Amino acid sequence: MKLRKQLFEESLMRKLSLETVANVVVILVAVLVAGLLIRNNFFHTSSGADDNPVGRTIKLDGVNTGAAKYTVLLALSTKCHFCNESVPFYQQLAALRRAPDSKFQTVGVFREPTDAAREYLTDKGLELDTVVSRSLGDVGVRGTPTLLLVDGEGKVVQAWIGALNEAKQKEVLAKISGN
């Protein structure tokens, strides 16, 4: 009887210690994941210079940046809340593009397949000159929406990141219209 009780106690201790180790591991993993989420969402951890696409040359298959004085490149996503909020401004850009004296072309760069991107644009009433499906890294940006002003040689001359307030929208319009 004593042996049985001793074996039971040893088994219980091993089980408890295994449960304790498992609980500690779960807590450590949860703390690590929470720390990463906080760091990535609330603290800017990049070097800074690498995030700025100004001065970079962009070359995309199917996009001829020399076709106009400027190319307004819109890095968008069909799932981006801020892209959806910015649609009225993009519609304004598209209307300016259709003006006879327009000196720029519009290019939409989407992470999603081109068909999904075109459907998104159609649903939003947006008509862009070119739509391509590429990694955002291919155009030197990290997130959407990002608007790049590219010169005739493919060099990024200005960048606007995120949903633009009215002052930034006016800045974009002045830049592309030459004012």
N, C-alpha and C. Protein backbone atom coordinates (compact mmCIF):
# COMPACT_ATOMS: atom_id res chain seq x y z
N MET A 1 0.82 -1.19 0.00
CA MET A 1 0.00 0.00 0.00
C MET A 1 0.87 1.27 0.00
N LYS A 2 1.92 1.21 0.85
CA LYS A 2 2.82 2.34 0.93
C LYS A 2 3.51 2.59 -0.41
N LEU A 3 3.90 1.54 -1.09
CA LEU A 3 4.56 1.65 -2.39
C LEU A 3 3.62 2.26 -3.42
N ARG A 4 2.40 1.80 -3.35
CA ARG A 4 1.40 2.33 -4.28
C ARG A 4 1.17 3.83 -4.04
N LYS A 5 1.09 4.23 -2.78
CA LYS A 5 0.90 5.63 -2.44
C LYS A 5 2.10 6.45 -2.89
N GLN A 6 3.30 5.90 -2.70
CA GLN A 6 4.51 6.60 -3.10
C GLN A 6 4.56 6.76 -4.62
N LEU A 7 4.22 5.72 -5.38
CA LEU A 7 4.20 5.80 -6.84
C LEU A 7 3.16 6.81 -7.31
N PHE A 8 2.02 6.82 -6.66
CA PHE A 8 0.97 7.78 -7.00
C PHE A 8 1.46 9.21 -6.77
N GLU A 9 2.10 9.46 -5.64
CA GLU A 9 2.61 10.79 -5.33
C GLU A 9 3.68 11.22 -6.34
N GLU A 10 4.58 10.31 -6.70
CA GLU A 10 5.63 10.63 -7.68
C GLU A 10 5.01 10.94 -9.04
N SER A 11 4.02 10.16 -9.42
CA SER A 11 3.33 10.39 -10.69
C SER A 11 2.62 11.74 -10.68
N LEU A 12 1.99 12.05 -9.58
CA LEU A 12 1.30 13.33 -9.44
C LEU A 12 2.29 14.49 -9.50
N MET A 13 3.43 14.35 -8.86
CA MET A 13 4.45 15.40 -8.87
C MET A 13 4.99 15.62 -10.29
N ARG A 14 5.25 14.51 -11.01
CA ARG A 14 5.72 14.65 -12.40
C ARG A 14 4.68 15.35 -13.26
N LYS A 15 3.42 14.99 -13.07
CA LYS A 15 2.34 15.60 -13.83
C LYS A 15 2.23 17.09 -13.51
N LEU A 16 2.29 17.42 -12.22
CA LEU A 16 2.21 18.81 -11.81
C LEU A 16 3.40 19.60 -12.35
N SER A 17 4.56 19.01 -12.31
CA SER A 17 5.72 19.75 -12.79
C SER A 17 5.68 19.88 -14.31
N LEU A 18 5.15 18.92 -15.02
CA LEU A 18 4.99 19.04 -16.47
C LEU A 18 3.96 20.11 -16.80
N GLU A 19 2.87 20.15 -16.05
CA GLU A 19 1.87 21.18 -16.25
C GLU A 19 2.43 22.57 -15.95
N THR A 20 3.24 22.66 -14.91
CA THR A 20 3.85 23.95 -14.56
C THR A 20 4.78 24.42 -15.67
N VAL A 21 5.60 23.54 -16.19
CA VAL A 21 6.51 23.89 -17.29
C VAL A 21 5.71 24.32 -18.52
N ALA A 22 4.66 23.58 -18.85
CA ALA A 22 3.83 23.93 -20.00
C ALA A 22 3.19 25.30 -19.80
N ASN A 23 2.70 25.58 -18.60
CA ASN A 23 2.09 26.88 -18.33
C ASN A 23 3.11 28.01 -18.45
N VAL A 24 4.30 27.80 -17.93
CA VAL A 24 5.35 28.81 -18.03
C VAL A 24 5.70 29.07 -19.50
N VAL A 25 5.80 28.02 -20.30
CA VAL A 25 6.11 28.17 -21.73
C VAL A 25 5.00 28.95 -22.43
N VAL A 26 3.76 28.65 -22.15
CA VAL A 26 2.63 29.37 -22.76
C VAL A 26 2.68 30.85 -22.38
N ILE A 27 2.95 31.12 -21.13
CA ILE A 27 3.03 32.53 -20.69
C ILE A 27 4.18 33.25 -21.38
N LEU A 28 5.33 32.63 -21.48
CA LEU A 28 6.48 33.24 -22.14
C LEU A 28 6.19 33.53 -23.62
N VAL A 29 5.57 32.58 -24.30
CA VAL A 29 5.22 32.78 -25.71
C VAL A 29 4.22 33.92 -25.84
N ALA A 30 3.24 33.99 -24.97
CA ALA A 30 2.24 35.06 -25.02
C ALA A 30 2.90 36.42 -24.79
N VAL A 31 3.82 36.51 -23.85
CA VAL A 31 4.52 37.77 -23.59
C VAL A 31 5.36 38.16 -24.80
N LEU A 32 6.05 37.22 -25.40
CA LEU A 32 6.86 37.48 -26.59
C LEU A 32 6.00 37.99 -27.75
N VAL A 33 4.90 37.33 -28.03
CA VAL A 33 4.00 37.74 -29.11
C VAL A 33 3.43 39.13 -28.82
N ALA A 34 3.00 39.37 -27.60
CA ALA A 34 2.46 40.68 -27.24
C ALA A 34 3.53 41.77 -27.42
N GLY A 35 4.75 41.48 -27.01
CA GLY A 35 5.84 42.44 -27.19
C GLY A 35 6.09 42.76 -28.64
N LEU A 36 6.10 41.75 -29.49
CA LEU A 36 6.30 41.98 -30.93
C LEU A 36 5.16 42.79 -31.53
N LEU A 37 3.94 42.48 -31.16
CA LEU A 37 2.80 43.24 -31.67
C LEU A 37 2.87 44.70 -31.24
N ILE A 38 3.21 44.92 -29.99
CA ILE A 38 3.32 46.30 -29.51
C ILE A 38 4.43 47.03 -30.25
N ARG A 39 5.59 46.40 -30.38
CA ARG A 39 6.71 47.05 -31.06
C ARG A 39 6.37 47.37 -32.51
N ASN A 40 5.78 46.43 -33.22
CA ASN A 40 5.49 46.62 -34.64
C ASN A 40 4.36 47.61 -34.90
N ASN A 41 3.44 47.76 -33.96
CA ASN A 41 2.29 48.63 -34.19
C ASN A 41 2.41 50.01 -33.56
N PHE A 42 3.29 50.16 -32.57
CA PHE A 42 3.35 51.44 -31.87
C PHE A 42 4.71 52.12 -31.91
N PHE A 43 5.72 51.42 -32.35
CA PHE A 43 7.05 52.01 -32.37
C PHE A 43 7.65 51.86 -33.75
N HIS A 44 8.21 52.95 -34.28
CA HIS A 44 8.87 52.92 -35.58
C HIS A 44 10.26 52.37 -35.37
N THR A 45 10.56 51.20 -35.95
CA THR A 45 11.83 50.53 -35.67
C THR A 45 12.77 50.50 -36.86
N SER A 46 12.43 51.16 -37.94
CA SER A 46 13.29 51.08 -39.11
C SER A 46 14.40 52.12 -39.02
N SER A 47 15.34 52.01 -39.93
CA SER A 47 16.49 52.89 -39.93
C SER A 47 16.16 54.28 -40.44
N GLY A 48 15.04 54.46 -41.11
CA GLY A 48 14.64 55.77 -41.59
C GLY A 48 15.00 55.97 -43.04
N ALA A 49 16.28 55.95 -43.38
CA ALA A 49 16.71 56.24 -44.74
C ALA A 49 16.15 55.23 -45.73
N ASP A 50 16.09 53.97 -45.32
CA ASP A 50 15.62 52.93 -46.23
C ASP A 50 14.12 53.04 -46.49
N ASP A 51 13.38 53.72 -45.62
CA ASP A 51 11.94 53.85 -45.78
C ASP A 51 11.57 54.94 -46.77
N ASN A 52 12.47 55.83 -47.07
CA ASN A 52 12.17 56.96 -47.93
C ASN A 52 12.46 56.61 -49.38
N PRO A 53 11.41 56.49 -50.20
CA PRO A 53 11.63 56.11 -51.60
C PRO A 53 12.12 57.26 -52.48
N VAL A 54 12.12 58.50 -51.98
CA VAL A 54 12.55 59.65 -52.79
C VAL A 54 13.99 59.45 -53.23
N GLY A 55 14.21 59.65 -54.52
CA GLY A 55 15.54 59.47 -55.09
C GLY A 55 15.76 58.11 -55.72
N ARG A 56 14.93 57.14 -55.38
CA ARG A 56 15.05 55.81 -55.97
C ARG A 56 14.50 55.82 -57.39
N THR A 57 15.04 54.93 -58.19
CA THR A 57 14.52 54.76 -59.55
C THR A 57 13.62 53.54 -59.56
N ILE A 58 12.45 53.71 -60.14
CA ILE A 58 11.47 52.62 -60.20
C ILE A 58 11.37 52.13 -61.63
N LYS A 59 11.50 50.83 -61.78
CA LYS A 59 11.31 50.20 -63.09
C LYS A 59 10.32 49.06 -62.90
N LEU A 60 9.19 49.19 -63.57
CA LEU A 60 8.16 48.14 -63.51
C LEU A 60 7.81 47.72 -64.93
N ASP A 61 7.76 46.42 -65.15
CA ASP A 61 7.32 45.92 -66.45
C ASP A 61 5.92 46.44 -66.74
N GLY A 62 5.71 46.94 -67.95
CA GLY A 62 4.41 47.43 -68.35
C GLY A 62 4.15 48.88 -67.99
N VAL A 63 5.13 49.54 -67.35
CA VAL A 63 4.97 50.94 -66.96
C VAL A 63 6.09 51.75 -67.61
N ASN A 64 5.69 52.70 -68.48
CA ASN A 64 6.65 53.58 -69.15
C ASN A 64 6.58 54.95 -68.48
N THR A 65 7.50 55.19 -67.55
CA THR A 65 7.48 56.47 -66.84
C THR A 65 7.84 57.64 -67.75
N GLY A 66 8.43 57.36 -68.90
CA GLY A 66 8.77 58.42 -69.84
C GLY A 66 7.61 58.87 -70.71
N ALA A 67 6.44 58.25 -70.54
CA ALA A 67 5.27 58.58 -71.36
C ALA A 67 4.65 59.93 -70.98
N ALA A 68 5.03 60.46 -69.83
CA ALA A 68 4.49 61.75 -69.37
C ALA A 68 5.55 62.44 -68.52
N LYS A 69 5.33 63.71 -68.26
CA LYS A 69 6.27 64.45 -67.41
C LYS A 69 6.37 63.77 -66.04
N TYR A 70 5.22 63.39 -65.50
CA TYR A 70 5.17 62.69 -64.21
C TYR A 70 4.32 61.44 -64.30
N THR A 71 4.63 60.50 -63.43
CA THR A 71 3.77 59.35 -63.20
C THR A 71 3.35 59.42 -61.74
N VAL A 72 2.05 59.43 -61.53
CA VAL A 72 1.52 59.37 -60.17
C VAL A 72 1.26 57.90 -59.89
N LEU A 73 2.09 57.34 -59.03
CA LEU A 73 2.02 55.92 -58.71
C LEU A 73 1.29 55.76 -57.38
N LEU A 74 0.18 55.06 -57.42
CA LEU A 74 -0.63 54.82 -56.22
C LEU A 74 -0.43 53.39 -55.76
N ALA A 75 0.21 53.21 -54.61
CA ALA A 75 0.34 51.87 -54.01
C ALA A 75 -0.88 51.67 -53.13
N LEU A 76 -1.76 50.75 -53.55
CA LEU A 76 -3.05 50.56 -52.90
C LEU A 76 -3.29 49.09 -52.58
N SER A 77 -4.31 48.86 -51.79
CA SER A 77 -4.76 47.50 -51.51
C SER A 77 -6.29 47.50 -51.47
N THR A 78 -6.87 46.45 -51.97
CA THR A 78 -8.33 46.35 -51.97
C THR A 78 -8.88 46.22 -50.55
N LYS A 79 -8.02 45.85 -49.60
CA LYS A 79 -8.45 45.64 -48.22
C LYS A 79 -8.04 46.77 -47.29
N CYS A 80 -7.50 47.84 -47.84
CA CYS A 80 -6.96 48.94 -47.03
C CYS A 80 -8.05 49.95 -46.69
N HIS A 81 -8.30 50.13 -45.41
CA HIS A 81 -9.31 51.08 -44.93
C HIS A 81 -8.97 52.51 -45.38
N PHE A 82 -7.71 52.90 -45.25
CA PHE A 82 -7.31 54.26 -45.61
C PHE A 82 -7.35 54.48 -47.12
N CYS A 83 -7.12 53.42 -47.89
CA CYS A 83 -7.27 53.53 -49.35
C CYS A 83 -8.73 53.84 -49.69
N ASN A 84 -9.63 53.12 -49.04
CA ASN A 84 -11.06 53.35 -49.28
C ASN A 84 -11.47 54.76 -48.88
N GLU A 85 -10.95 55.25 -47.75
CA GLU A 85 -11.26 56.62 -47.32
C GLU A 85 -10.73 57.66 -48.30
N SER A 86 -9.66 57.32 -49.01
CA SER A 86 -9.00 58.28 -49.91
C SER A 86 -9.56 58.26 -51.32
N VAL A 87 -10.54 57.42 -51.60
CA VAL A 87 -11.11 57.30 -52.94
C VAL A 87 -11.56 58.64 -53.53
N PRO A 88 -12.25 59.50 -52.79
CA PRO A 88 -12.65 60.78 -53.40
C PRO A 88 -11.45 61.58 -53.93
N PHE A 89 -10.34 61.57 -53.21
CA PHE A 89 -9.15 62.26 -53.69
C PHE A 89 -8.60 61.58 -54.94
N TYR A 90 -8.58 60.26 -54.96
CA TYR A 90 -8.10 59.54 -56.15
C TYR A 90 -9.00 59.80 -57.34
N GLN A 91 -10.28 59.94 -57.10
CA GLN A 91 -11.21 60.28 -58.19
C GLN A 91 -10.88 61.67 -58.74
N GLN A 92 -10.51 62.58 -57.85
CA GLN A 92 -10.12 63.92 -58.27
C GLN A 92 -8.84 63.85 -59.14
N LEU A 93 -7.89 63.03 -58.73
CA LEU A 93 -6.67 62.84 -59.53
C LEU A 93 -7.00 62.28 -60.91
N ALA A 94 -7.88 61.29 -60.94
CA ALA A 94 -8.25 60.66 -62.21
C ALA A 94 -8.94 61.67 -63.12
N ALA A 95 -9.76 62.54 -62.56
CA ALA A 95 -10.43 63.57 -63.36
C ALA A 95 -9.41 64.55 -63.92
N LEU A 96 -8.44 64.94 -63.12
CA LEU A 96 -7.37 65.83 -63.60
C LEU A 96 -6.57 65.16 -64.71
N ARG A 97 -6.37 63.88 -64.58
CA ARG A 97 -5.61 63.13 -65.58
C ARG A 97 -6.29 63.18 -66.95
N ARG A 98 -7.61 63.21 -66.96
CA ARG A 98 -8.36 63.22 -68.22
C ARG A 98 -8.39 64.60 -68.87
N ALA A 99 -7.93 65.62 -68.19
CA ALA A 99 -7.91 66.98 -68.77
C ALA A 99 -6.94 67.02 -69.94
N PRO A 100 -7.27 67.78 -70.99
CA PRO A 100 -6.44 67.82 -72.19
C PRO A 100 -5.00 68.28 -71.94
N ASP A 101 -4.78 69.13 -70.96
CA ASP A 101 -3.44 69.65 -70.69
C ASP A 101 -2.70 68.88 -69.59
N SER A 102 -3.18 67.69 -69.28
CA SER A 102 -2.58 66.87 -68.22
C SER A 102 -1.13 66.51 -68.57
N LYS A 103 -0.27 66.59 -67.57
CA LYS A 103 1.15 66.28 -67.76
C LYS A 103 1.57 65.05 -66.96
N PHE A 104 0.60 64.25 -66.57
CA PHE A 104 0.93 63.07 -65.78
C PHE A 104 0.08 61.89 -66.19
N GLN A 105 0.57 60.72 -65.82
CA GLN A 105 -0.19 59.49 -66.01
C GLN A 105 -0.37 58.85 -64.63
N THR A 106 -1.34 57.96 -64.52
CA THR A 106 -1.62 57.31 -63.24
C THR A 106 -1.35 55.81 -63.34
N VAL A 107 -0.72 55.28 -62.31
CA VAL A 107 -0.42 53.85 -62.24
C VAL A 107 -0.84 53.36 -60.86
N GLY A 108 -1.62 52.31 -60.83
CA GLY A 108 -2.00 51.67 -59.58
C GLY A 108 -1.17 50.42 -59.37
N VAL A 109 -0.53 50.32 -58.23
CA VAL A 109 0.24 49.13 -57.87
C VAL A 109 -0.47 48.45 -56.71
N PHE A 110 -0.88 47.22 -56.93
CA PHE A 110 -1.63 46.45 -55.93
C PHE A 110 -0.89 45.18 -55.59
N ARG A 111 -1.01 44.75 -54.34
CA ARG A 111 -0.48 43.44 -53.94
C ARG A 111 -1.37 42.33 -54.49
N GLU A 112 -2.66 42.63 -54.61
CA GLU A 112 -3.62 41.63 -55.08
C GLU A 112 -3.47 41.41 -56.58
N PRO A 113 -4.03 40.32 -57.10
CA PRO A 113 -4.00 40.09 -58.54
C PRO A 113 -4.63 41.25 -59.32
N THR A 114 -4.16 41.46 -60.53
CA THR A 114 -4.61 42.58 -61.36
C THR A 114 -6.12 42.56 -61.56
N ASP A 115 -6.71 41.40 -61.78
CA ASP A 115 -8.17 41.33 -61.97
C ASP A 115 -8.92 41.86 -60.75
N ALA A 116 -8.48 41.48 -59.57
CA ALA A 116 -9.12 41.96 -58.34
C ALA A 116 -8.91 43.46 -58.19
N ALA A 117 -7.74 43.94 -58.56
CA ALA A 117 -7.44 45.38 -58.48
C ALA A 117 -8.33 46.16 -59.44
N ARG A 118 -8.47 45.68 -60.67
CA ARG A 118 -9.32 46.36 -61.65
C ARG A 118 -10.79 46.38 -61.19
N GLU A 119 -11.23 45.28 -60.63
CA GLU A 119 -12.61 45.22 -60.12
C GLU A 119 -12.80 46.24 -58.99
N TYR A 120 -11.84 46.32 -58.10
CA TYR A 120 -11.87 47.30 -57.01
C TYR A 120 -11.97 48.72 -57.56
N LEU A 121 -11.11 49.03 -58.53
CA LEU A 121 -11.10 50.37 -59.13
C LEU A 121 -12.43 50.68 -59.82
N THR A 122 -12.96 49.71 -60.54
CA THR A 122 -14.25 49.89 -61.22
C THR A 122 -15.35 50.16 -60.21
N ASP A 123 -15.36 49.36 -59.12
CA ASP A 123 -16.37 49.54 -58.07
C ASP A 123 -16.28 50.93 -57.44
N LYS A 124 -15.07 51.49 -57.39
CA LYS A 124 -14.85 52.80 -56.79
C LYS A 124 -14.97 53.94 -57.79
N GLY A 125 -15.21 53.60 -59.06
CA GLY A 125 -15.33 54.63 -60.09
C GLY A 125 -14.00 55.29 -60.43
N LEU A 126 -12.92 54.53 -60.32
CA LEU A 126 -11.58 55.05 -60.60
C LEU A 126 -11.05 54.48 -61.91
N GLU A 127 -10.52 55.35 -62.72
CA GLU A 127 -9.91 54.92 -63.98
C GLU A 127 -8.46 55.36 -63.98
N LEU A 128 -7.55 54.39 -63.91
CA LEU A 128 -6.12 54.67 -63.94
C LEU A 128 -5.56 54.22 -65.28
N ASP A 129 -4.46 54.83 -65.70
CA ASP A 129 -3.86 54.47 -66.99
C ASP A 129 -3.33 53.05 -67.00
N THR A 130 -2.70 52.65 -65.91
CA THR A 130 -2.08 51.32 -65.83
C THR A 130 -2.34 50.75 -64.44
N VAL A 131 -2.59 49.45 -64.39
CA VAL A 131 -2.75 48.75 -63.13
C VAL A 131 -1.85 47.52 -63.17
N VAL A 132 -1.02 47.38 -62.12
CA VAL A 132 -0.12 46.24 -62.06
C VAL A 132 -0.22 45.57 -60.69
N SER A 133 0.08 44.30 -60.67
CA SER A 133 0.12 43.53 -59.44
C SER A 133 1.59 43.26 -59.12
N ARG A 134 2.06 43.84 -58.02
CA ARG A 134 3.47 43.70 -57.63
C ARG A 134 3.57 43.73 -56.11
N SER A 135 4.70 43.31 -55.63
CA SER A 135 5.03 43.49 -54.22
C SER A 135 5.26 44.98 -53.99
N LEU A 136 4.86 45.47 -52.84
CA LEU A 136 5.10 46.88 -52.53
C LEU A 136 6.59 47.19 -52.51
N GLY A 137 7.38 46.20 -52.14
CA GLY A 137 8.83 46.38 -52.14
C GLY A 137 9.38 46.68 -53.52
N ASP A 138 8.70 46.24 -54.56
CA ASP A 138 9.15 46.51 -55.94
C ASP A 138 9.13 48.00 -56.26
N VAL A 139 8.32 48.76 -55.53
CA VAL A 139 8.28 50.21 -55.74
C VAL A 139 8.85 50.96 -54.54
N GLY A 140 9.47 50.22 -53.63
CA GLY A 140 10.16 50.84 -52.52
C GLY A 140 9.28 51.38 -51.41
N VAL A 141 8.10 50.81 -51.25
CA VAL A 141 7.22 51.26 -50.17
C VAL A 141 6.85 50.09 -49.28
N ARG A 142 6.38 50.41 -48.08
CA ARG A 142 6.05 49.38 -47.10
C ARG A 142 4.55 49.20 -46.88
N GLY A 143 3.77 50.25 -47.11
CA GLY A 143 2.36 50.15 -46.78
C GLY A 143 1.48 50.94 -47.73
N THR A 144 0.19 50.77 -47.53
CA THR A 144 -0.79 51.44 -48.36
C THR A 144 -1.65 52.33 -47.47
N PRO A 145 -2.16 53.40 -48.01
CA PRO A 145 -1.86 53.94 -49.33
C PRO A 145 -0.55 54.74 -49.32
N THR A 146 0.16 54.65 -50.40
CA THR A 146 1.34 55.48 -50.62
C THR A 146 1.24 56.04 -52.03
N LEU A 147 1.49 57.32 -52.16
CA LEU A 147 1.44 57.99 -53.45
C LEU A 147 2.85 58.47 -53.77
N LEU A 148 3.37 58.06 -54.92
CA LEU A 148 4.70 58.46 -55.35
C LEU A 148 4.59 59.32 -56.60
N LEU A 149 5.35 60.39 -56.64
CA LEU A 149 5.45 61.22 -57.84
C LEU A 149 6.78 60.86 -58.49
N VAL A 150 6.70 60.32 -59.70
CA VAL A 150 7.87 59.79 -60.40
C VAL A 150 8.10 60.62 -61.66
N ASP A 151 9.35 61.01 -61.90
CA ASP A 151 9.64 61.82 -63.09
C ASP A 151 9.77 60.93 -64.32
N GLY A 152 10.05 61.56 -65.47
CA GLY A 152 10.12 60.85 -66.75
C GLY A 152 11.22 59.82 -66.84
N GLU A 153 12.23 59.91 -65.97
CA GLU A 153 13.30 58.91 -65.96
C GLU A 153 13.05 57.79 -64.95
N GLY A 154 11.93 57.85 -64.26
CA GLY A 154 11.60 56.80 -63.30
C GLY A 154 12.07 57.09 -61.89
N LYS A 155 12.57 58.28 -61.64
CA LYS A 155 13.08 58.64 -60.32
C LYS A 155 11.95 59.21 -59.46
N VAL A 156 11.84 58.72 -58.24
CA VAL A 156 10.82 59.22 -57.30
C VAL A 156 11.26 60.60 -56.83
N VAL A 157 10.42 61.60 -57.10
CA VAL A 157 10.75 62.97 -56.70
C VAL A 157 10.02 63.40 -55.43
N GLN A 158 8.91 62.74 -55.12
CA GLN A 158 8.19 63.04 -53.88
C GLN A 158 7.33 61.85 -53.50
N ALA A 159 7.11 61.71 -52.19
CA ALA A 159 6.30 60.60 -51.69
C ALA A 159 5.36 61.11 -50.61
N TRP A 160 4.14 60.58 -50.61
CA TRP A 160 3.16 60.87 -49.58
C TRP A 160 2.65 59.54 -49.06
N ILE A 161 2.73 59.36 -47.76
CA ILE A 161 2.39 58.07 -47.16
C ILE A 161 1.16 58.21 -46.28
N GLY A 162 0.24 57.28 -46.45
CA GLY A 162 -0.97 57.25 -45.63
C GLY A 162 -2.10 58.07 -46.24
N ALA A 163 -3.19 58.12 -45.50
CA ALA A 163 -4.34 58.93 -45.93
C ALA A 163 -3.92 60.40 -45.82
N LEU A 164 -4.16 61.16 -46.87
CA LEU A 164 -3.70 62.54 -46.92
C LEU A 164 -4.77 63.50 -46.42
N ASN A 165 -4.34 64.44 -45.56
CA ASN A 165 -5.26 65.49 -45.14
C ASN A 165 -5.43 66.48 -46.29
N GLU A 166 -6.30 67.45 -46.12
CA GLU A 166 -6.61 68.39 -47.20
C GLU A 166 -5.38 69.17 -47.66
N ALA A 167 -4.53 69.57 -46.74
CA ALA A 167 -3.32 70.32 -47.10
C ALA A 167 -2.39 69.47 -47.97
N LYS A 168 -2.23 68.20 -47.62
CA LYS A 168 -1.36 67.30 -48.40
C LYS A 168 -1.97 67.03 -49.78
N GLN A 169 -3.28 66.90 -49.83
CA GLN A 169 -3.95 66.71 -51.11
C GLN A 169 -3.70 67.90 -52.02
N LYS A 170 -3.81 69.11 -51.48
CA LYS A 170 -3.53 70.32 -52.27
C LYS A 170 -2.08 70.35 -52.73
N GLU A 171 -1.18 69.89 -51.88
CA GLU A 171 0.24 69.82 -52.23
C GLU A 171 0.46 68.89 -53.42
N VAL A 172 -0.19 67.74 -53.41
CA VAL A 172 -0.09 66.78 -54.52
C VAL A 172 -0.62 67.43 -55.80
N LEU A 173 -1.81 68.01 -55.72
CA LEU A 173 -2.43 68.60 -56.90
C LEU A 173 -1.58 69.72 -57.46
N ALA A 174 -1.00 70.56 -56.61
CA ALA A 174 -0.13 71.65 -57.06
C ALA A 174 1.12 71.09 -57.74
N LYS A 175 1.67 70.04 -57.18
CA LYS A 175 2.90 69.46 -57.74
C LYS A 175 2.65 68.87 -59.14
N ILE A 176 1.56 68.14 -59.31
CA ILE A 176 1.33 67.50 -60.61
C ILE A 176 0.82 68.47 -61.66
N SER A 177 0.23 69.59 -61.22
CA SER A 177 -0.26 70.55 -62.20
C SER A 177 0.79 71.62 -62.49
N GLY A 178 1.94 71.54 -61.81
CA GLY A 178 3.03 72.47 -62.09
C GLY A 178 2.88 73.81 -61.42
N ASN A 179 2.00 73.94 -60.44
CA ASN A 179 1.80 75.22 -59.74
C ASN A 179 2.69 75.31 -58.51
